[in-house]
N, C-alpha and C. Protein backbone atom coordinates (compact mmCIF):
# COMPACT_ATOMS: atom_id res chain seq x y z
N UNK A 1 150.51 69.61 219.80
CA UNK A 1 149.38 68.58 219.58
C UNK A 1 148.17 69.20 217.99
N UNK A 2 147.81 68.46 217.40
CA UNK A 2 146.77 69.27 216.53
C UNK A 2 145.54 68.25 216.13
N UNK A 3 144.78 68.75 215.58
CA UNK A 3 143.47 67.88 214.99
C UNK A 3 143.33 68.12 214.10
N UNK A 4 143.02 66.99 212.94
CA UNK A 4 142.42 67.35 211.99
C UNK A 4 140.85 66.90 211.75
N UNK A 5 140.20 67.62 211.57
CA UNK A 5 138.70 67.14 211.49
C UNK A 5 138.05 67.10 209.96
N UNK A 6 136.95 66.67 209.91
CA UNK A 6 136.20 66.70 208.58
C UNK A 6 134.59 67.76 209.27
N UNK A 7 134.49 68.96 208.55
CA UNK A 7 133.51 69.24 209.43
C UNK A 7 132.29 69.88 208.17
N UNK A 8 130.80 70.00 208.53
CA UNK A 8 129.75 70.01 207.65
C UNK A 8 129.63 71.88 208.00
N UNK A 9 129.56 72.72 207.29
CA UNK A 9 128.66 73.88 207.63
C UNK A 9 127.49 74.16 206.83
N UNK A 10 126.32 74.49 207.54
CA UNK A 10 125.15 74.28 207.06
C UNK A 10 124.18 75.38 207.44
N UNK A 11 123.79 76.65 206.35
CA UNK A 11 123.09 77.44 206.90
C UNK A 11 121.53 77.26 207.07
N UNK A 12 121.27 77.64 208.26
CA UNK A 12 120.19 77.49 208.83
C UNK A 12 119.17 78.81 209.27
N UNK A 13 118.28 79.30 208.51
CA UNK A 13 117.84 80.35 208.53
C UNK A 13 118.54 81.43 208.77
N UNK A 14 119.20 82.42 210.06
CA UNK A 14 119.84 83.16 209.88
C UNK A 14 121.40 82.73 210.77
N UNK A 15 121.36 81.55 210.15
CA UNK A 15 122.62 81.22 211.25
C UNK A 15 123.27 79.89 210.34
N UNK A 16 124.79 80.09 210.81
CA UNK A 16 125.54 78.69 210.04
C UNK A 16 126.24 77.82 211.23
N UNK A 17 125.74 76.82 210.76
CA UNK A 17 126.01 75.55 212.03
C UNK A 17 127.21 74.84 211.17
N UNK A 18 128.10 74.36 212.15
CA UNK A 18 129.25 74.05 211.77
C UNK A 18 129.56 72.71 212.87
N UNK A 19 129.55 71.51 212.05
CA UNK A 19 129.48 70.52 213.10
C UNK A 19 130.65 69.24 212.14
N UNK A 20 131.47 68.69 213.17
CA UNK A 20 132.80 67.91 213.03
C UNK A 20 132.08 66.45 213.25
N UNK A 21 132.26 65.91 211.98
CA UNK A 21 131.59 64.35 211.71
C UNK A 21 132.40 63.40 212.87
N UNK A 22 133.94 63.80 213.46
CA UNK A 22 134.79 62.75 214.34
C UNK A 22 134.03 62.70 215.05
N UNK A 23 133.80 63.72 216.02
CA UNK A 23 133.05 63.87 217.32
C UNK A 23 131.71 64.66 217.53
N UNK A 24 131.06 64.73 216.54
CA UNK A 24 129.70 65.06 216.59
C UNK A 24 129.74 66.36 217.44
N UNK A 25 130.56 67.15 217.30
CA UNK A 25 130.66 68.72 218.25
C UNK A 25 129.89 69.32 217.21
N UNK A 26 129.37 70.39 217.41
CA UNK A 26 128.79 71.36 216.79
C UNK A 26 128.48 72.81 217.64
N UNK A 27 128.67 73.59 216.34
CA UNK A 27 128.38 75.00 217.19
C UNK A 27 128.21 76.16 215.56
N UNK A 28 127.45 77.33 216.17
CA UNK A 28 126.97 78.17 215.15
C UNK A 28 127.46 79.60 215.42
N UNK A 29 127.32 80.20 214.43
CA UNK A 29 127.44 81.69 214.25
C UNK A 29 126.90 82.33 213.03
N UNK A 30 126.57 83.42 213.17
CA UNK A 30 125.89 84.56 212.55
C UNK A 30 127.00 84.80 211.04
N UNK A 31 128.14 84.53 210.80
CA UNK A 31 129.12 84.10 209.54
C UNK A 31 129.50 82.52 209.90
N UNK A 32 130.24 82.32 208.42
CA UNK A 32 130.74 80.90 208.40
C UNK A 32 132.24 81.05 209.44
N UNK A 33 132.55 82.09 209.18
CA UNK A 33 134.01 82.41 210.04
C UNK A 33 134.02 82.64 211.63
N UNK A 34 132.80 83.19 212.10
CA UNK A 34 132.60 82.93 213.29
C UNK A 34 131.80 81.06 213.67
N UNK A 35 131.15 80.72 212.72
CA UNK A 35 130.86 79.32 213.39
C UNK A 35 131.96 78.57 213.14
N UNK A 36 132.82 78.43 212.65
CA UNK A 36 134.44 77.59 212.63
C UNK A 36 134.89 78.30 213.95
N UNK A 37 135.06 79.40 214.11
CA UNK A 37 136.07 79.90 214.92
C UNK A 37 135.20 79.37 216.35
N UNK A 38 133.89 79.27 216.54
CA UNK A 38 132.97 78.96 217.82
C UNK A 38 133.42 77.35 217.77
N UNK A 39 133.39 76.76 216.87
CA UNK A 39 133.54 75.05 216.40
C UNK A 39 134.76 74.56 217.12
N UNK A 40 136.10 75.60 216.88
CA UNK A 40 137.61 75.46 217.25
C UNK A 40 137.41 75.32 218.88
N UNK A 41 136.50 76.38 219.62
CA UNK A 41 137.09 76.59 220.94
C UNK A 41 135.96 75.35 221.25
N UNK A 42 135.05 74.90 220.77
CA UNK A 42 133.87 73.97 221.43
C UNK A 42 135.21 72.64 221.24
N UNK A 43 135.78 72.40 220.47
CA UNK A 43 136.26 71.08 220.00
C UNK A 43 137.51 71.33 220.76
N UNK A 44 138.30 72.15 221.42
CA UNK A 44 139.49 72.48 222.34
C UNK A 44 138.59 72.19 223.70
N UNK A 45 137.88 72.72 224.08
CA UNK A 45 137.23 72.15 225.15
C UNK A 45 136.92 70.67 225.64
N UNK A 46 136.50 70.33 224.47
CA UNK A 46 135.85 68.90 224.36
C UNK A 46 136.86 68.21 224.79
N UNK A 47 138.52 68.53 223.71
CA UNK A 47 139.52 67.72 224.20
C UNK A 47 140.60 68.53 225.15
N UNK A 48 139.93 69.24 225.85
CA UNK A 48 141.30 70.05 226.96
C UNK A 48 141.85 68.84 227.84
N UNK A 49 141.03 67.73 228.50
CA UNK A 49 142.11 66.81 229.04
C UNK A 49 142.44 65.97 228.28
N UNK A 50 142.54 65.35 227.15
CA UNK A 50 143.10 64.51 226.52
C UNK A 50 144.37 65.20 226.02
N UNK A 51 144.82 63.66 226.08
CA UNK A 51 146.83 63.92 225.63
C UNK A 51 147.13 63.29 224.65
N UNK A 52 146.04 62.85 223.49
CA UNK A 52 146.14 62.03 222.56
C UNK A 52 145.08 61.86 221.51
N UNK A 53 144.96 62.85 220.66
CA UNK A 53 143.94 62.64 219.53
C UNK A 53 143.96 61.70 218.44
N UNK A 54 144.56 60.66 218.76
CA UNK A 54 145.22 59.39 217.45
C UNK A 54 143.80 59.10 217.26
N UNK A 55 143.38 58.72 218.26
CA UNK A 55 141.97 57.80 217.92
C UNK A 55 140.97 58.39 217.08
N UNK A 56 140.67 59.91 217.58
CA UNK A 56 140.13 60.53 215.95
C UNK A 56 140.29 61.05 215.17
N UNK A 57 141.69 61.14 214.86
CA UNK A 57 142.73 61.66 213.78
C UNK A 57 142.51 60.63 212.93
N UNK A 58 142.73 58.85 213.47
CA UNK A 58 142.62 57.87 212.58
C UNK A 58 141.56 57.16 212.13
N UNK A 59 140.32 57.97 212.98
CA UNK A 59 138.91 57.07 211.84
C UNK A 59 138.92 57.79 210.82
N UNK A 60 138.51 56.66 209.99
CA UNK A 60 137.86 57.03 208.66
C UNK A 60 136.65 57.39 208.35
N UNK A 61 136.36 58.50 207.47
CA UNK A 61 134.95 59.09 207.52
C UNK A 61 134.84 59.57 205.67
N UNK A 62 133.72 59.08 205.56
CA UNK A 62 133.28 59.26 204.05
C UNK A 62 131.88 59.92 203.92
N UNK A 63 132.71 60.99 203.03
CA UNK A 63 131.48 62.30 202.93
C UNK A 63 130.87 61.94 201.23
N UNK A 64 129.66 62.11 201.46
CA UNK A 64 129.13 62.02 200.06
C UNK A 64 127.68 62.53 200.00
N UNK A 65 126.83 62.72 199.11
CA UNK A 65 125.73 63.19 198.70
C UNK A 65 124.49 62.08 198.48
N UNK A 66 123.25 62.44 198.80
CA UNK A 66 122.30 61.53 198.60
C UNK A 66 121.15 62.56 197.91
N UNK A 67 120.62 62.04 196.84
CA UNK A 67 119.74 63.02 196.51
C UNK A 67 118.31 61.49 195.98
N UNK A 68 117.03 61.84 196.37
CA UNK A 68 116.17 60.94 196.15
C UNK A 68 115.05 61.49 195.95
N UNK A 69 114.24 60.75 195.36
CA UNK A 69 112.45 61.75 195.11
C UNK A 69 111.57 60.84 196.25
N UNK A 70 110.92 62.00 196.68
CA UNK A 70 110.33 61.41 197.79
C UNK A 70 108.66 61.42 197.08
């Protein structure tokens, strides 16, 4: 069984925060790789009892940027 997700990684002060858009799970780490590893662990725990990822895998996600003057 596999999971394909869209993640956003942002640097916040001394941490990197990784968030999965399909399920709104987030984790952090001192490095990008640590944040991703921690997010993988969090996602695995979230779906621990799930037998089918099809709902999350088939959800359409759109990623874009927004710039505006305030």
